Amino acid sequence: MSDDPLPKPQPKEIDEKLALQLKHLAEDATLKGQPYGEERCDNCLFYLNPDENISYCWHPKLRILVGGPWWCQWWEKVEE
């Protein structure tokens, strides 16, 4: 086993590309990290697993993991 220190992790080109894509997606979706009144991802129709803190949003314009308390402009009430 070597005593050489491990190199400091650096983002790769793909990480920067994905970060930029997600930034644009968040801007386009008005994706926010906090609820909008009572509207939040975990009570939205498109939130796949409402019992989870983080779940997949299957809205056709997003299709990403989101947090339960987040919100976006495409929030839609779950029909009971």
Foldseek 3Di string as FASTA:
>chain_A
DDPDDDDDDDDDPVRVVVVVVVVVLCVVFVKFQAADVPFWLLQFPQFDDSVDQWGFGPDVSGRGIDGGRMHTPPGHGDDD
